[in-house]
């Protein structure tokens, strides 16, 4: 089923047939996948932020792939990594999950199972949250963080800014976008520069 938004998926597998099959699968599902067989290329792609999901083959010999996963985690602690293998092993499964792999699947991959994993990843990791929503959530998080540091209640911030408690609460929850005028009032009340709200974006 096609999605209104596309996942960017990197497929890392030494088997060409698997790479082709997965690229076709993701295309049918409405996502975009590209593949590499060389582990050396992966970290560069990850650091550039070019993918939201990594499909990583950890078939024997598994050590190089598990080591790659650990390097991926060092480069991007939040990237969704789904491991797959033609030879399931409890030891390898434990090692990948310790490195925060999202799932560990057995080849050949069943379309229904893979589809369920993708849907779970989108839901649990918010992979298809659009840029505006991400911005609102981060501004809200920073606002709440600063208000808590200053030991101020919503009511106190409302009194200082002339904004309603309801609006401030909605902004903190990421459910409402703050105008530049509103952000200026909040920044003044919380004694921070306006760019404070965007520093981590």
Foldseek 3Di string as FASTA:
>chain_A
DADPDAFEEEEEALDPVLQVVVQVLSVVNNYGYDYDPDLVCPLVCLLVVRGQEYEFECEPVRVVRLVSLLSSCVSPVQRAYEYEYQDDDPVSQVSNVVSVHQYYYYPPDDSVVVVVSVVCCCVPSVRPDDPLLVLLQLLLCLLVVLCVVVVHDLVRLCVQQVHDSVVNVCSNNSNDDDDPSRLVSSCVSSVHDSCSSVPVD
